[in-house]
Amino acid sequence: MQPRSRPGGRSSPRNVNARNAGTRNIGARNVSKGRAPSRPMVARRAVATGGAAMRTRAPQPRRFTSRAVVLSLILLVLLLAYAYPVRVYLAQQAEIAALEQSQQRQAVKVAEMQARAKKWDDPEYVISQARQRLHMVLPGEKPYVVVDPANNQQTDPDELPGAPKQPRAWYGKLWSSVEAADKQ
């Protein structure tokens, strides 16, 4: 009965030890008691070229195995598949943050406007605003307008904005329109 072999072609050391526990000599090989042979003995060939053996180079391992290439391709495909959704997710998160910030600003603005509207419920505030903005007075009060002497300058009534200008003759209007067309 032969010992069971492992998937790699080697026999299990446990089975060999159990089988050869008491023997010292198996066939032409010497095996120490309790130890399995590591490798079978191979007959060596004599080299015909003067006794020197020629060395051959061991094959270089490939840089990438087929498993590594397949794994890297799968990872690349997954990376590309997740890139767009992640970008969309991040853009949506930024948009949500911007909208929340805008909502906070609007809440502050609404609170300000509510406070301003509440002021208008007070009759004293309404009276003060009417005096300040519209120069209105209560019945029986005398209004006074204080003029700043530093601002009192003599101006030509023709230079005032909104003052009516003297009408020009028809030929003056015609000539100014010709000049304006010439500039263009």
C-alpha atoms as a PDB file:
ATOM      1  CA  MET A   1       0.000   0.000   0.000  1.00  0.00           C
ATOM      2  CA  GLN A   2       1.422   3.382  -1.030  1.00  0.00           C
ATOM      3  CA  PRO A   3       1.226   6.511   1.102  1.00  0.00           C
ATOM      4  CA  ARG A   4      -1.220   9.193   0.127  1.00  0.00           C
ATOM      5  CA  SER A   5       0.329  12.068  -1.717  1.00  0.00           C
ATOM      6  CA  ARG A   6      -0.328  15.760  -1.273  1.00  0.00           C
ATOM      7  CA  PRO A   7      -1.630  17.938  -4.126  1.00  0.00           C
ATOM      8  CA  GLY A   8       1.906  19.119  -4.867  1.00  0.00           C
ATOM      9  CA  GLY A   9       3.091  15.557  -5.470  1.00  0.00           C
ATOM     10  CA  ARG A  10       4.895  15.138  -2.131  1.00  0.00           C
ATOM     11  CA  SER A  11       3.790  12.609   0.373  1.00  0.00           C
ATOM     12  CA  SER A  12       2.625  13.691   3.760  1.00  0.00           C
ATOM     13  CA  PRO A  13       5.443  13.579   6.363  1.00  0.00           C
ATOM     14  CA  ARG A  14       3.075  12.224   8.962  1.00  0.00           C
ATOM     15  CA  ASN A  15       2.111   9.223   6.846  1.00  0.00           C
ATOM     16  CA  VAL A  16       5.724   8.489   5.928  1.00  0.00           C
ATOM     17  CA  ASN A  17       6.863   8.774   9.547  1.00  0.00           C
ATOM     18  CA  ALA A  18       4.121   6.461  10.703  1.00  0.00           C
ATOM     19  CA  ARG A  19       4.929   3.915   8.004  1.00  0.00           C
ATOM     20  CA  ASN A  20       8.726   4.054   8.444  1.00  0.00           C
ATOM     21  CA  ALA A  21       8.893   4.516  12.181  1.00  0.00           C
ATOM     22  CA  GLY A  22      10.840   1.394  12.905  1.00  0.00           C
ATOM     23  CA  THR A  23      12.806   0.844   9.695  1.00  0.00           C
ATOM     24  CA  ARG A  24      16.287   2.016   8.915  1.00  0.00           C
ATOM     25  CA  ASN A  25      16.789   0.978   5.373  1.00  0.00           C
ATOM     26  CA  ILE A  26      14.201   1.403   2.623  1.00  0.00           C
ATOM     27  CA  GLY A  27      15.376  -0.002  -0.640  1.00  0.00           C
ATOM     28  CA  ALA A  28      18.738   1.563  -1.481  1.00  0.00           C
ATOM     29  CA  ARG A  29      18.177   4.664   0.670  1.00  0.00           C
ATOM     30  CA  ASN A  30      19.071   5.183   4.267  1.00  0.00           C
ATOM     31  CA  VAL A  31      16.421   6.950   6.297  1.00  0.00           C
ATOM     32  CA  SER A  32      16.992   7.961   9.851  1.00  0.00           C
ATOM     33  CA  LYS A  33      14.551   6.716  12.380  1.00  0.00           C
ATOM     34  CA  GLY A  34      11.444   8.927  12.544  1.00  0.00           C
ATOM     35  CA  ARG A  35      12.320  11.176   9.567  1.00  0.00           C
ATOM     36  CA  ALA A  36      10.879  11.083   6.102  1.00  0.00           C
ATOM     37  CA  PRO A  37      13.128  11.343   3.073  1.00  0.00           C
ATOM     38  CA  SER A  38      13.115  14.920   1.789  1.00  0.00           C
ATOM     39  CA  ARG A  39      13.762  14.029  -1.861  1.00  0.00           C
ATOM     40  CA  PRO A  40      14.346  10.842  -3.765  1.00  0.00           C
ATOM     41  CA  MET A  41      17.938  10.181  -4.726  1.00  0.00           C
ATOM     42  CA  VAL A  42      18.648  10.904  -8.384  1.00  0.00           C
ATOM     43  CA  ALA A  43      21.571   9.414 -10.220  1.00  0.00           C
ATOM     44  CA  ARG A  44      23.967  12.053 -11.431  1.00  0.00           C
ATOM     45  CA  ARG A  45      25.227  12.010 -14.972  1.00  0.00           C
ATOM     46  CA  ALA A  46      28.829  12.409 -15.769  1.00  0.00           C
ATOM     47  CA  VAL A  47      29.584  15.355 -17.986  1.00  0.00           C
ATOM     48  CA  ALA A  48      31.360  14.475 -21.223  1.00  0.00           C
ATOM     49  CA  THR A  49      33.258  17.779 -21.522  1.00  0.00           C
ATOM     50  CA  GLY A  50      36.226  17.348 -19.303  1.00  0.00           C
ATOM     51  CA  GLY A  51      34.435  17.127 -15.971  1.00  0.00           C
ATOM     52  CA  ALA A  52      33.136  20.725 -15.735  1.00  0.00           C
ATOM     53  CA  ALA A  53      29.379  21.022 -15.500  1.00  0.00           C
ATOM     54  CA  MET A  54      27.595  23.657 -17.598  1.00  0.00           C
ATOM     55  CA  ARG A  55      25.317  25.946 -15.729  1.00  0.00           C
ATOM     56  CA  THR A  56      21.960  26.913 -17.084  1.00  0.00           C
ATOM     57  CA  ARG A  57      20.016  29.938 -16.012  1.00  0.00           C
ATOM     58  CA  ALA A  58      16.810  29.466 -14.140  1.00  0.00           C
ATOM     59  CA  PRO A  59      13.825  30.962 -15.930  1.00  0.00           C
ATOM     60  CA  GLN A  60      13.018  34.465 -14.680  1.00  0.00           C
ATOM     61  CA  PRO A  61       9.640  34.740 -13.017  1.00  0.00           C
ATOM     62  CA  ARG A  62       7.145  36.833 -14.948  1.00  0.00           C
ATOM     63  CA  ARG A  63       6.640  40.292 -13.600  1.00  0.00           C
ATOM     64  CA  PHE A  64       2.858  40.017 -13.464  1.00  0.00           C
ATOM     65  CA  THR A  65       1.001  36.791 -13.245  1.00  0.00           C
ATOM     66  CA  SER A  66      -2.293  36.340 -15.000  1.00  0.00           C
ATOM     67  CA  ARG A  67      -4.084  36.490 -11.648  1.00  0.00           C
ATOM     68  CA  ALA A  68      -2.467  39.815 -10.825  1.00  0.00           C
ATOM     69  CA  VAL A  69      -3.443  41.231 -14.225  1.00  0.00           C
ATOM     70  CA  VAL A  70      -7.052  40.050 -13.850  1.00  0.00           C
ATOM     71  CA  LEU A  71      -7.227  41.427 -10.315  1.00  0.00           C
ATOM     72  CA  SER A  72      -5.839  44.801 -11.384  1.00  0.00           C
ATOM     73  CA  LEU A  73      -8.314  44.948 -14.288  1.00  0.00           C
ATOM     74  CA  ILE A  74     -11.195  44.200 -11.938  1.00  0.00           C
ATOM     75  CA  LEU A  75     -10.010  46.901  -9.536  1.00  0.00           C
ATOM     76  CA  LEU A  76      -9.675  49.370 -12.407  1.00  0.00           C
ATOM     77  CA  VAL A  77     -13.186  48.600 -13.647  1.00  0.00           C
ATOM     78  CA  LEU A  78     -14.579  49.022 -10.126  1.00  0.00           C
ATOM     79  CA  LEU A  79     -12.719  52.294  -9.722  1.00  0.00           C
ATOM     80  CA  LEU A  80     -14.117  53.605 -12.996  1.00  0.00           C
ATOM     81  CA  ALA A  81     -17.596  52.353 -12.134  1.00  0.00           C
ATOM     82  CA  TYR A  82     -17.587  54.148  -8.776  1.00  0.00           C
ATOM     83  CA  ALA A  83     -15.874  57.362  -9.921  1.00  0.00           C
ATOM     84  CA  TYR A  84     -18.942  59.013 -11.482  1.00  0.00           C
ATOM     85  CA  PRO A  85     -21.402  58.185  -8.671  1.00  0.00           C
ATOM     86  CA  VAL A  86     -18.916  59.387  -6.074  1.00  0.00           C
ATOM     87  CA  ARG A  87     -18.430  62.633  -7.998  1.00  0.00           C
ATOM     88  CA  VAL A  88     -22.209  63.113  -8.216  1.00  0.00           C
ATOM     89  CA  TYR A  89     -22.538  62.339  -4.508  1.00  0.00           C
ATOM     90  CA  LEU A  90     -19.881  64.899  -3.577  1.00  0.00           C
ATOM     91  CA  ALA A  91     -21.496  67.530  -5.828  1.00  0.00           C
ATOM     92  CA  GLN A  92     -24.856  66.878  -4.186  1.00  0.00           C
ATOM     93  CA  GLN A  93     -23.324  67.164  -0.734  1.00  0.00           C
ATOM     94  CA  ALA A  94     -21.762  70.503  -1.688  1.00  0.00           C
ATOM     95  CA  GLU A  95     -25.095  71.695  -3.062  1.00  0.00           C
ATOM     96  CA  ILE A  96     -26.881  70.617   0.117  1.00  0.00           C
ATOM     97  CA  ALA A  97     -24.323  72.496   2.221  1.00  0.00           C
ATOM     98  CA  ALA A  98     -24.757  75.626   0.084  1.00  0.00           C
ATOM     99  CA  LEU A  99     -28.556  75.417   0.346  1.00  0.00           C
ATOM    100  CA  GLU A 100     -28.398  74.976   4.112  1.00  0.00           C
ATOM    101  CA  GLN A 101     -26.135  78.019   4.358  1.00  0.00           C
ATOM    102  CA  SER A 102     -28.532  79.999   2.175  1.00  0.00           C
ATOM    103  CA  GLN A 103     -31.429  78.877   4.320  1.00  0.00           C
ATOM    104  CA  GLN A 104     -29.627  80.090   7.448  1.00  0.00           C
ATOM    105  CA  ARG A 105     -29.011  83.491   5.831  1.00  0.00           C
ATOM    106  CA  GLN A 106     -32.681  83.697   4.856  1.00  0.00           C
ATOM    107  CA  ALA A 107     -33.741  82.795   8.410  1.00  0.00           C
ATOM    108  CA  VAL A 108     -31.576  85.631   9.771  1.00  0.00           C
ATOM    109  CA  LYS A 109     -33.054  88.026   7.200  1.00  0.00           C
ATOM    110  CA  VAL A 110     -36.615  86.953   8.076  1.00  0.00           C
ATOM    111  CA  ALA A 111     -35.895  87.491  11.781  1.00  0.00           C
ATOM    112  CA  GLU A 112     -34.571  91.002  11.018  1.00  0.00           C
ATOM    113  CA  MET A 113     -37.606  91.887   8.947  1.00  0.00           C
ATOM    114  CA  GLN A 114     -39.969  90.571  11.624  1.00  0.00           C
ATOM    115  CA  ALA A 115     -38.198  92.762  14.178  1.00  0.00           C
ATOM    116  CA  ARG A 116     -38.548  95.774  11.864  1.00  0.00           C
ATOM    117  CA  ALA A 117     -42.238  95.013  11.281  1.00  0.00           C
ATOM    118  CA  LYS A 118     -42.777  94.742  15.040  1.00  0.00           C
ATOM    119  CA  LYS A 119     -41.352  98.258  15.460  1.00  0.00           C
ATOM    120  CA  TRP A 120     -44.094  99.622  13.233  1.00  0.00           C
ATOM    121  CA  ASP A 121     -46.704  98.359  15.696  1.00  0.00           C
ATOM    122  CA  ASP A 122     -45.456 100.941  18.220  1.00  0.00           C
ATOM    123  CA  PRO A 123     -47.217 104.341  17.718  1.00  0.00           C
ATOM    124  CA  GLU A 124     -44.201 106.286  19.026  1.00  0.00           C
ATOM    125  CA  TYR A 125     -41.953 104.740  16.346  1.00  0.00           C
ATOM    126  CA  VAL A 126     -44.482 105.651  13.630  1.00  0.00           C
ATOM    127  CA  ILE A 127     -44.596 109.273  14.819  1.00  0.00           C
ATOM    128  CA  SER A 128     -40.786 109.532  14.942  1.00  0.00           C
ATOM    129  CA  GLN A 129     -40.454 108.090  11.425  1.00  0.00           C
ATOM    130  CA  ALA A 130     -43.118 110.497  10.081  1.00  0.00           C
ATOM    131  CA  ARG A 131     -41.234 113.441  11.567  1.00  0.00           C
ATOM    132  CA  GLN A 132     -37.852 112.241  10.335  1.00  0.00           C
ATOM    133  CA  ARG A 133     -38.744 111.058   6.848  1.00  0.00           C
ATOM    134  CA  LEU A 134     -41.768 113.142   5.873  1.00  0.00           C
ATOM    135  CA  HIS A 135     -41.201 116.257   8.004  1.00  0.00           C
ATOM    136  CA  MET A 136     -44.693 115.940   9.459  1.00  0.00           C
ATOM    137  CA  VAL A 137     -45.751 117.456  12.769  1.00  0.00           C
ATOM    138  CA  LEU A 138     -48.589 116.827  15.137  1.00  0.00           C
ATOM    139  CA  PRO A 139     -51.460 119.332  15.231  1.00  0.00           C
ATOM    140  CA  GLY A 140     -50.525 122.385  17.277  1.00  0.00           C
ATOM    141  CA  GLU A 141     -46.752 122.006  16.781  1.00  0.00           C
ATOM    142  CA  LYS A 142     -44.718 124.472  14.747  1.00  0.00           C
ATOM    143  CA  PRO A 143     -42.260 122.945  12.277  1.00  0.00           C
ATOM    144  CA  TYR A 144     -38.786 124.423  12.038  1.00  0.00           C
ATOM    145  CA  VAL A 145     -36.321 123.688   9.259  1.00  0.00           C
ATOM    146  CA  VAL A 146     -32.692 124.260  10.148  1.00  0.00           C
ATOM    147  CA  VAL A 147     -30.571 125.269   7.184  1.00  0.00           C
ATOM    148  CA  ASP A 148     -26.866 124.526   7.282  1.00  0.00           C
ATOM    149  CA  PRO A 149     -24.962 127.776   6.593  1.00  0.00           C
ATOM    150  CA  ALA A 150     -22.022 125.834   5.086  1.00  0.00           C
ATOM    151  CA  ASN A 151     -24.363 124.449   2.455  1.00  0.00           C
ATOM    152  CA  ASN A 152     -25.844 127.840   1.544  1.00  0.00           C
ATOM    153  CA  GLN A 153     -24.193 128.675  -1.812  1.00  0.00           C
ATOM    154  CA  GLN A 154     -25.456 130.969  -4.512  1.00  0.00           C
ATOM    155  CA  THR A 155     -26.176 128.952  -7.607  1.00  0.00           C
ATOM    156  CA  ASP A 156     -27.360 129.967 -11.032  1.00  0.00           C
ATOM    157  CA  PRO A 157     -30.975 128.837 -11.542  1.00  0.00           C
ATOM    158  CA  ASP A 158     -30.057 127.591 -15.048  1.00  0.00           C
ATOM    159  CA  GLU A 159     -27.453 125.206 -13.566  1.00  0.00           C
ATOM    160  CA  LEU A 160     -29.830 123.541 -11.150  1.00  0.00           C
ATOM    161  CA  PRO A 161     -30.773 120.045 -12.128  1.00  0.00           C
ATOM    162  CA  GLY A 162     -34.372 119.880 -13.247  1.00  0.00           C
ATOM    163  CA  ALA A 163     -34.481 123.602 -14.049  1.00  0.00           C
ATOM    164  CA  PRO A 164     -36.145 124.325 -17.399  1.00  0.00           C
ATOM    165  CA  LYS A 165     -33.714 125.211 -20.156  1.00  0.00           C
ATOM    166  CA  GLN A 166     -34.294 128.020 -22.588  1.00  0.00           C
ATOM    167  CA  PRO A 167     -35.614 126.692 -25.891  1.00  0.00           C
ATOM    168  CA  ARG A 168     -33.128 126.946 -28.752  1.00  0.00           C
ATOM    169  CA  ALA A 169     -33.911 128.004 -32.257  1.00  0.00           C
ATOM    170  CA  TRP A 170     -34.710 125.338 -34.859  1.00  0.00           C
ATOM    171  CA  TYR A 171     -31.448 125.825 -36.741  1.00  0.00           C
ATOM    172  CA  GLY A 172     -29.453 125.371 -33.510  1.00  0.00           C
ATOM    173  CA  LYS A 173     -31.152 122.023 -32.930  1.00  0.00           C
ATOM    174  CA  LEU A 174     -30.479 121.026 -36.539  1.00  0.00           C
ATOM    175  CA  TRP A 175     -26.811 121.958 -36.314  1.00  0.00           C
ATOM    176  CA  SER A 176     -26.314 120.079 -32.991  1.00  0.00           C
ATOM    177  CA  SER A 177     -27.870 116.948 -34.486  1.00  0.00           C
ATOM    178  CA  VAL A 178     -25.487 117.203 -37.500  1.00  0.00           C
ATOM    179  CA  GLU A 179     -22.529 117.500 -35.093  1.00  0.00           C
ATOM    180  CA  ALA A 180     -23.736 114.507 -33.075  1.00  0.00           C
ATOM    181  CA  ALA A 181     -24.055 112.429 -36.267  1.00  0.00           C
ATOM    182  CA  ASP A 182     -20.565 113.509 -37.367  1.00  0.00           C
ATOM    183  CA  LYS A 183     -19.059 112.243 -34.079  1.00  0.00           C
ATOM    184  CA  GLN A 184     -20.444 108.800 -34.644  1.00  0.00           C
END
